PDB file of all heavy atoms in Angstrom:
ATOM      1  N   ASP A   1       0.829  -1.196   0.000  1.00  0.00           N
ATOM      2  CA  ASP A   1       0.000   0.000   0.000  1.00  0.00           C
ATOM      3  C   ASP A   1       0.872   1.258   0.000  1.00  0.00           C
ATOM      4  O   ASP A   1       2.099   1.177   0.072  1.00  0.00           O
ATOM      5  CB  ASP A   1      -0.927  -0.006   1.219  1.00  0.00           C
ATOM      6  CG  ASP A   1      -2.015  -1.063   1.109  1.00  0.00           C
ATOM      7  OD1 ASP A   1      -2.156  -1.660   0.024  1.00  0.00           O
ATOM      8  OD2 ASP A   1      -2.728  -1.298   2.107  1.00  0.00           O
ATOM      9  N   ILE A   2       0.230   2.417  -0.054  1.00  0.00           N
ATOM     10  CA  ILE A   2       0.921   3.689  -0.148  1.00  0.00           C
ATOM     11  C   ILE A   2       0.645   4.515   1.110  1.00  0.00           C
ATOM     12  O   ILE A   2      -0.469   4.507   1.636  1.00  0.00           O
ATOM     13  CB  ILE A   2       0.463   4.455  -1.406  1.00  0.00           C
ATOM     14  CG1 ILE A   2       0.813   3.640  -2.661  1.00  0.00           C
ATOM     15  CG2 ILE A   2       1.106   5.846  -1.475  1.00  0.00           C
ATOM     16  CD1 ILE A   2       0.229   4.212  -3.939  1.00  0.00           C
ATOM     17  N   ASP A   3       1.660   5.222   1.574  1.00  0.00           N
ATOM     18  CA  ASP A   3       1.536   6.086   2.748  1.00  0.00           C
ATOM     19  C   ASP A   3       0.391   7.091   2.543  1.00  0.00           C
ATOM     20  O   ASP A   3       0.454   7.933   1.640  1.00  0.00           O
ATOM     21  CB  ASP A   3       2.859   6.830   2.957  1.00  0.00           C
ATOM     22  CG  ASP A   3       2.845   7.710   4.205  1.00  0.00           C
ATOM     23  OD1 ASP A   3       1.815   7.791   4.882  1.00  0.00           O
ATOM     24  OD2 ASP A   3       3.904   8.311   4.488  1.00  0.00           O
ATOM     25  N   PRO A   4      -0.663   7.038   3.358  1.00  0.00           N
ATOM     26  CA  PRO A   4      -1.802   7.941   3.170  1.00  0.00           C
ATOM     27  C   PRO A   4      -1.445   9.427   3.268  1.00  0.00           C
ATOM     28  O   PRO A   4      -2.161  10.278   2.731  1.00  0.00           O
ATOM     29  CB  PRO A   4      -2.769   7.538   4.287  1.00  0.00           C
ATOM     30  CG  PRO A   4      -2.392   6.138   4.636  1.00  0.00           C
ATOM     31  CD  PRO A   4      -0.909   6.079   4.446  1.00  0.00           C
ATOM     32  N   LYS A   5      -0.350   9.752   3.943  1.00  0.00           N
ATOM     33  CA  LYS A   5       0.071  11.149   4.034  1.00  0.00           C
ATOM     34  C   LYS A   5       0.319  11.740   2.645  1.00  0.00           C
ATOM     35  O   LYS A   5       0.170  12.947   2.448  1.00  0.00           O
ATOM     36  CB  LYS A   5       1.340  11.271   4.867  1.00  0.00           C
ATOM     37  CG  LYS A   5       1.158  11.031   6.353  1.00  0.00           C
ATOM     38  CD  LYS A   5       2.473  11.207   7.100  1.00  0.00           C
ATOM     39  CE  LYS A   5       2.307  10.965   8.595  1.00  0.00           C
ATOM     40  NZ  LYS A   5       3.603  11.106   9.324  1.00  0.00           N
ATOM     41  N   LEU A   6       0.698  10.888   1.699  1.00  0.00           N
ATOM     42  CA  LEU A   6       1.030  11.373   0.362  1.00  0.00           C
ATOM     43  C   LEU A   6      -0.197  11.851  -0.402  1.00  0.00           C
ATOM     44  O   LEU A   6      -0.073  12.566  -1.395  1.00  0.00           O
ATOM     45  CB  LEU A   6       1.752  10.284  -0.427  1.00  0.00           C
ATOM     46  CG  LEU A   6       3.157   9.940   0.076  1.00  0.00           C
ATOM     47  CD1 LEU A   6       3.699   8.716  -0.645  1.00  0.00           C
ATOM     48  CD2 LEU A   6       4.107  11.125  -0.112  1.00  0.00           C
ATOM     49  N   PHE A   7      -1.381  11.446   0.036  1.00  0.00           N
ATOM     50  CA  PHE A   7      -2.591  11.951  -0.603  1.00  0.00           C
ATOM     51  C   PHE A   7      -3.529  12.594   0.416  1.00  0.00           C
ATOM     52  O   PHE A   7      -4.738  12.670   0.227  1.00  0.00           O
ATOM     53  CB  PHE A   7      -3.310  10.880  -1.435  1.00  0.00           C
ATOM     54  CG  PHE A   7      -3.494   9.537  -0.746  1.00  0.00           C
ATOM     55  CD1 PHE A   7      -4.667   9.225  -0.089  1.00  0.00           C
ATOM     56  CD2 PHE A   7      -2.491   8.584  -0.809  1.00  0.00           C
ATOM     57  CE1 PHE A   7      -4.842   7.989   0.523  1.00  0.00           C
ATOM     58  CE2 PHE A   7      -2.662   7.337  -0.216  1.00  0.00           C
ATOM     59  CZ  PHE A   7      -3.829   7.046   0.456  1.00  0.00           C
ATOM     60  N   GLY A   8      -2.932  13.096   1.510  1.00  0.00           N
ATOM     61  CA  GLY A   8      -3.661  13.932   2.450  1.00  0.00           C
ATOM     62  C   GLY A   8      -4.703  13.248   3.288  1.00  0.00           C
ATOM     63  O   GLY A   8      -5.698  13.863   3.684  1.00  0.00           O
ATOM     64  N   GLN A   9      -4.488  11.963   3.618  1.00  0.00           N
ATOM     65  CA  GLN A   9      -5.461  11.234   4.429  1.00  0.00           C
ATOM     66  C   GLN A   9      -4.780  10.578   5.621  1.00  0.00           C
ATOM     67  O   GLN A   9      -3.554  10.362   5.626  1.00  0.00           O
ATOM     68  CB  GLN A   9      -6.154  10.147   3.594  1.00  0.00           C
ATOM     69  CG  GLN A   9      -7.013  10.679   2.457  1.00  0.00           C
ATOM     70  CD  GLN A   9      -7.706   9.563   1.683  1.00  0.00           C
ATOM     71  OE1 GLN A   9      -7.841   8.444   2.178  1.00  0.00           O
ATOM     72  NE2 GLN A   9      -8.156   9.872   0.481  1.00  0.00           N
ATOM     73  N   LEU A  10      -5.563  10.273   6.645  1.00  0.00           N
ATOM     74  CA  LEU A  10      -5.112   9.453   7.749  1.00  0.00           C
ATOM     75  C   LEU A  10      -5.334   7.983   7.384  1.00  0.00           C
ATOM     76  O   LEU A  10      -6.191   7.681   6.548  1.00  0.00           O
ATOM     77  CB  LEU A  10      -5.892   9.790   9.026  1.00  0.00           C
ATOM     78  CG  LEU A  10      -5.695  11.209   9.578  1.00  0.00           C
ATOM     79  CD1 LEU A  10      -6.674  11.461  10.720  1.00  0.00           C
ATOM     80  CD2 LEU A  10      -4.258  11.407  10.048  1.00  0.00           C
ATOM     81  N   PRO A  11      -4.570   7.064   7.968  1.00  0.00           N
ATOM     82  CA  PRO A  11      -4.773   5.641   7.655  1.00  0.00           C
ATOM     83  C   PRO A  11      -6.190   5.181   7.978  1.00  0.00           C
ATOM     84  O   PRO A  11      -6.672   5.351   9.093  1.00  0.00           O
ATOM     85  CB  PRO A  11      -3.747   4.940   8.556  1.00  0.00           C
ATOM     86  CG  PRO A  11      -2.699   5.977   8.814  1.00  0.00           C
ATOM     87  CD  PRO A  11      -3.443   7.281   8.886  1.00  0.00           C
ATOM     88  N   GLU A  12      -6.860   4.643   6.970  1.00  0.00           N
ATOM     89  CA  GLU A  12      -8.221   4.141   7.154  1.00  0.00           C
ATOM     90  C   GLU A  12      -8.459   3.038   6.134  1.00  0.00           C
ATOM     91  O   GLU A  12      -9.071   3.239   5.097  1.00  0.00           O
ATOM     92  CB  GLU A  12      -9.246   5.263   6.977  1.00  0.00           C
ATOM     93  CG  GLU A  12     -10.654   4.861   7.363  1.00  0.00           C
ATOM     94  CD  GLU A  12     -11.623   6.033   7.301  1.00  0.00           C
ATOM     95  OE1 GLU A  12     -11.177   7.180   7.171  1.00  0.00           O
ATOM     96  OE2 GLU A  12     -12.838   5.776   7.386  1.00  0.00           O
ATOM     97  N   GLY A  13      -7.934   1.867   6.450  1.00  0.00           N
ATOM     98  CA  GLY A  13      -8.034   0.744   5.526  1.00  0.00           C
ATOM     99  C   GLY A  13      -6.711   0.390   4.872  1.00  0.00           C
ATOM    100  O   GLY A  13      -6.569  -0.687   4.294  1.00  0.00           O
ATOM    101  N   THR A  14      -5.740   1.289   4.973  1.00  0.00           N
ATOM    102  CA  THR A  14      -4.410   1.004   4.437  1.00  0.00           C
ATOM    103  C   THR A  14      -3.726  -0.043   5.295  1.00  0.00           C
ATOM    104  O   THR A  14      -3.824  -0.012   6.527  1.00  0.00           O
ATOM    105  CB  THR A  14      -3.558   2.288   4.385  1.00  0.00           C
ATOM    106  OG1 THR A  14      -4.090   3.145   3.378  1.00  0.00           O
ATOM    107  CG2 THR A  14      -2.112   1.982   4.047  1.00  0.00           C
ATOM    108  N   ARG A  15      -3.018  -0.953   4.661  1.00  0.00           N
ATOM    109  CA  ARG A  15      -2.311  -2.017   5.368  1.00  0.00           C
ATOM    110  C   ARG A  15      -0.834  -1.667   5.441  1.00  0.00           C
ATOM    111  O   ARG A  15      -0.484  -0.530   5.745  1.00  0.00           O
ATOM    112  CB  ARG A  15      -2.571  -3.349   4.661  1.00  0.00           C
ATOM    113  CG  ARG A  15      -4.058  -3.725   4.655  1.00  0.00           C
ATOM    114  CD  ARG A  15      -4.368  -4.892   3.744  1.00  0.00           C
ATOM    115  NE  ARG A  15      -5.799  -5.181   3.719  1.00  0.00           N
ATOM    116  CZ  ARG A  15      -6.364  -6.055   2.888  1.00  0.00           C
ATOM    117  NH1 ARG A  15      -5.627  -6.716   1.993  1.00  0.00           N
ATOM    118  NH2 ARG A  15      -7.672  -6.251   2.918  1.00  0.00           N
ATOM    119  N   SER A  16       0.051  -2.588   5.192  1.00  0.00           N
ATOM    120  CA  SER A  16       1.480  -2.320   5.317  1.00  0.00           C
ATOM    121  C   SER A  16       1.956  -1.410   4.195  1.00  0.00           C
ATOM    122  O   SER A  16       1.561  -1.568   3.037  1.00  0.00           O
ATOM    123  CB  SER A  16       2.265  -3.631   5.288  1.00  0.00           C
ATOM    124  OG  SER A  16       2.062  -4.317   4.073  1.00  0.00           O
ATOM    125  N   PHE A  17       2.789  -0.432   4.539  1.00  0.00           N
ATOM    126  CA  PHE A  17       3.356   0.459   3.538  1.00  0.00           C
ATOM    127  C   PHE A  17       4.758   0.884   3.981  1.00  0.00           C
ATOM    128  O   PHE A  17       5.122   0.769   5.149  1.00  0.00           O
ATOM    129  CB  PHE A  17       2.462   1.680   3.289  1.00  0.00           C
ATOM    130  CG  PHE A  17       2.183   2.526   4.500  1.00  0.00           C
ATOM    131  CD1 PHE A  17       2.983   3.614   4.802  1.00  0.00           C
ATOM    132  CD2 PHE A  17       1.110   2.238   5.342  1.00  0.00           C
ATOM    133  CE1 PHE A  17       2.733   4.410   5.919  1.00  0.00           C
ATOM    134  CE2 PHE A  17       0.845   3.024   6.457  1.00  0.00           C
ATOM    135  CZ  PHE A  17       1.657   4.109   6.744  1.00  0.00           C
ATOM    136  N   ASP A  18       5.520   1.372   3.029  1.00  0.00           N
ATOM    137  CA  ASP A  18       6.915   1.748   3.254  1.00  0.00           C
ATOM    138  C   ASP A  18       7.084   3.198   2.813  1.00  0.00           C
ATOM    139  O   ASP A  18       7.269   3.477   1.630  1.00  0.00           O
ATOM    140  CB  ASP A  18       7.828   0.820   2.448  1.00  0.00           C
ATOM    141  CG  ASP A  18       9.299   1.069   2.687  1.00  0.00           C
ATOM    142  OD1 ASP A  18       9.669   2.173   3.102  1.00  0.00           O
ATOM    143  OD2 ASP A  18      10.106   0.142   2.429  1.00  0.00           O
ATOM    144  N   PRO A  19       7.009   4.153   3.742  1.00  0.00           N
ATOM    145  CA  PRO A  19       7.080   5.569   3.370  1.00  0.00           C
ATOM    146  C   PRO A  19       8.342   5.940   2.606  1.00  0.00           C
ATOM    147  O   PRO A  19       8.279   6.743   1.663  1.00  0.00           O
ATOM    148  CB  PRO A  19       7.018   6.283   4.727  1.00  0.00           C
ATOM    149  CG  PRO A  19       6.325   5.329   5.639  1.00  0.00           C
ATOM    150  CD  PRO A  19       6.787   3.981   5.192  1.00  0.00           C
ATOM    151  N   ALA A  20       9.480   5.374   2.981  1.00  0.00           N
ATOM    152  CA  ALA A  20      10.733   5.704   2.295  1.00  0.00           C
ATOM    153  C   ALA A  20      10.700   5.216   0.849  1.00  0.00           C
ATOM    154  O   ALA A  20      11.123   5.925  -0.072  1.00  0.00           O
ATOM    155  CB  ALA A  20      11.918   5.094   3.042  1.00  0.00           C
ATOM    156  N   LEU A  21      10.197   4.005   0.635  1.00  0.00           N
ATOM    157  CA  LEU A  21      10.091   3.462  -0.719  1.00  0.00           C
ATOM    158  C   LEU A  21       9.148   4.314  -1.563  1.00  0.00           C
ATOM    159  O   LEU A  21       9.464   4.633  -2.719  1.00  0.00           O
ATOM    160  CB  LEU A  21       9.580   2.022  -0.663  1.00  0.00           C
ATOM    161  CG  LEU A  21       9.244   1.356  -2.000  1.00  0.00           C
ATOM    162  CD1 LEU A  21      10.477   1.267  -2.892  1.00  0.00           C
ATOM    163  CD2 LEU A  21       8.639  -0.032  -1.773  1.00  0.00           C
ATOM    164  N   ASP A  22       8.014   4.678  -1.012  1.00  0.00           N
ATOM    165  CA  ASP A  22       7.056   5.503  -1.750  1.00  0.00           C
ATOM    166  C   ASP A  22       7.709   6.791  -2.246  1.00  0.00           C
ATOM    167  O   ASP A  22       7.526   7.197  -3.400  1.00  0.00           O
ATOM    168  CB  ASP A  22       5.863   5.864  -0.865  1.00  0.00           C
ATOM    169  CG  ASP A  22       5.046   4.658  -0.440  1.00  0.00           C
ATOM    170  OD1 ASP A  22       5.179   3.593  -1.078  1.00  0.00           O
ATOM    171  OD2 ASP A  22       4.264   4.789   0.526  1.00  0.00           O
ATOM    172  N   ARG A  23       8.465   7.431  -1.392  1.00  0.00           N
ATOM    173  CA  ARG A  23       9.073   8.709  -1.748  1.00  0.00           C
ATOM    174  C   ARG A  23      10.205   8.549  -2.754  1.00  0.00           C
ATOM    175  O   ARG A  23      10.401   9.419  -3.620  1.00  0.00           O
ATOM    176  CB  ARG A  23       9.524   9.437  -0.477  1.00  0.00           C
ATOM    177  CG  ARG A  23       8.325  10.023   0.285  1.00  0.00           C
ATOM    178  CD  ARG A  23       8.576  10.245   1.768  1.00  0.00           C
ATOM    179  NE  ARG A  23       7.411  10.845   2.415  1.00  0.00           N
ATOM    180  CZ  ARG A  23       6.327  10.168   2.782  1.00  0.00           C
ATOM    181  NH1 ARG A  23       6.237   8.865   2.560  1.00  0.00           N
ATOM    182  NH2 ARG A  23       5.312  10.794   3.359  1.00  0.00           N
ATOM    183  N   LEU A  24      10.946   7.465  -2.655  1.00  0.00           N
ATOM    184  CA  LEU A  24      11.970   7.187  -3.666  1.00  0.00           C
ATOM    185  C   LEU A  24      11.342   6.993  -5.035  1.00  0.00           C
ATOM    186  O   LEU A  24      11.805   7.535  -6.039  1.00  0.00           O
ATOM    187  CB  LEU A  24      12.769   5.934  -3.281  1.00  0.00           C
ATOM    188  CG  LEU A  24      13.895   6.084  -2.264  1.00  0.00           C
ATOM    189  CD1 LEU A  24      14.428   4.704  -1.877  1.00  0.00           C
ATOM    190  CD2 LEU A  24      15.026   6.936  -2.825  1.00  0.00           C
ATOM    191  N   GLN A  25      10.260   6.218  -5.079  1.00  0.00           N
ATOM    192  CA  GLN A  25       9.593   5.960  -6.353  1.00  0.00           C
ATOM    193  C   GLN A  25       8.983   7.233  -6.935  1.00  0.00           C
ATOM    194  O   GLN A  25       9.055   7.461  -8.142  1.00  0.00           O
ATOM    195  CB  GLN A  25       8.527   4.878  -6.171  1.00  0.00           C
ATOM    196  CG  GLN A  25       9.134   3.502  -5.899  1.00  0.00           C
ATOM    197  CD  GLN A  25       8.090   2.443  -5.614  1.00  0.00           C
ATOM    198  OE1 GLN A  25       7.100   2.703  -4.925  1.00  0.00           O
ATOM    199  NE2 GLN A  25       8.301   1.248  -6.127  1.00  0.00           N
ATOM    200  N   LEU A  26       8.431   8.085  -6.094  1.00  0.00           N
ATOM    201  CA  LEU A  26       7.869   9.341  -6.579  1.00  0.00           C
ATOM    202  C   LEU A  26       8.955  10.275  -7.107  1.00  0.00           C
ATOM    203  O   LEU A  26       8.747  10.991  -8.093  1.00  0.00           O
ATOM    204  CB  LEU A  26       7.071  10.031  -5.473  1.00  0.00           C
ATOM    205  CG  LEU A  26       5.697   9.425  -5.168  1.00  0.00           C
ATOM    206  CD1 LEU A  26       5.124  10.019  -3.884  1.00  0.00           C
ATOM    207  CD2 LEU A  26       4.731   9.642  -6.331  1.00  0.00           C
ATOM    208  N   ALA A  27      10.126  10.263  -6.471  1.00  0.00           N
ATOM    209  CA  ALA A  27      11.231  11.094  -6.941  1.00  0.00           C
ATOM    210  C   ALA A  27      11.717  10.624  -8.312  1.00  0.00           C
ATOM    211  O   ALA A  27      12.022  11.443  -9.193  1.00  0.00           O
ATOM    212  CB  ALA A  27      12.374  11.060  -5.930  1.00  0.00           C
ATOM    213  N   ILE A  28      11.784   9.316  -8.501  1.00  0.00           N
ATOM    214  CA  ILE A  28      12.184   8.773  -9.801  1.00  0.00           C
ATOM    215  C   ILE A  28      11.132   9.102 -10.850  1.00  0.00           C
ATOM    216  O   ILE A  28      11.449   9.501 -11.979  1.00  0.00           O
ATOM    217  CB  ILE A  28      12.417   7.249  -9.703  1.00  0.00           C
ATOM    218  CG1 ILE A  28      13.628   6.966  -8.809  1.00  0.00           C
ATOM    219  CG2 ILE A  28      12.620   6.644 -11.086  1.00  0.00           C
ATOM    220  CD1 ILE A  28      13.811   5.501  -8.471  1.00  0.00           C
ATOM    221  N   LEU A  29       9.862   8.949 -10.488  1.00  0.00           N
ATOM    222  CA  LEU A  29       8.778   9.302 -11.409  1.00  0.00           C
ATOM    223  C   LEU A  29       8.890  10.761 -11.836  1.00  0.00           C
ATOM    224  O   LEU A  29       8.756  11.080 -13.028  1.00  0.00           O
ATOM    225  CB  LEU A  29       7.428   9.049 -10.740  1.00  0.00           C
ATOM    226  CG  LEU A  29       6.182   9.548 -11.480  1.00  0.00           C
ATOM    227  CD1 LEU A  29       6.067   8.915 -12.859  1.00  0.00           C
ATOM    228  CD2 LEU A  29       4.928   9.287 -10.648  1.00  0.00           C
ATOM    229  N   LYS A  30       9.157  11.644 -10.896  1.00  0.00           N
ATOM    230  CA  LYS A  30       9.284  13.068 -11.223  1.00  0.00           C
ATOM    231  C   LYS A  30      10.372  13.304 -12.262  1.00  0.00           C
ATOM    232  O   LYS A  30      10.184  14.080 -13.212  1.00  0.00           O
ATOM    233  CB  LYS A  30       9.600  13.869  -9.960  1.00  0.00           C
ATOM    234  CG  LYS A  30       9.752  15.363 -10.219  1.00  0.00           C
ATOM    235  CD  LYS A  30      10.040  16.128  -8.929  1.00  0.00           C
ATOM    236  CE  LYS A  30      10.194  17.623  -9.211  1.00  0.00           C
ATOM    237  NZ  LYS A  30      10.461  18.387  -7.951  1.00  0.00           N
TER     238      LYS A  30
END
């Protein structure tokens, strides 16, 4: 799953996620 902070929400149904990985992938996408 994806860190809910990245889309302005609190965790509500999100399971395991890796905030560092999410941000690395978004930086590469950019």
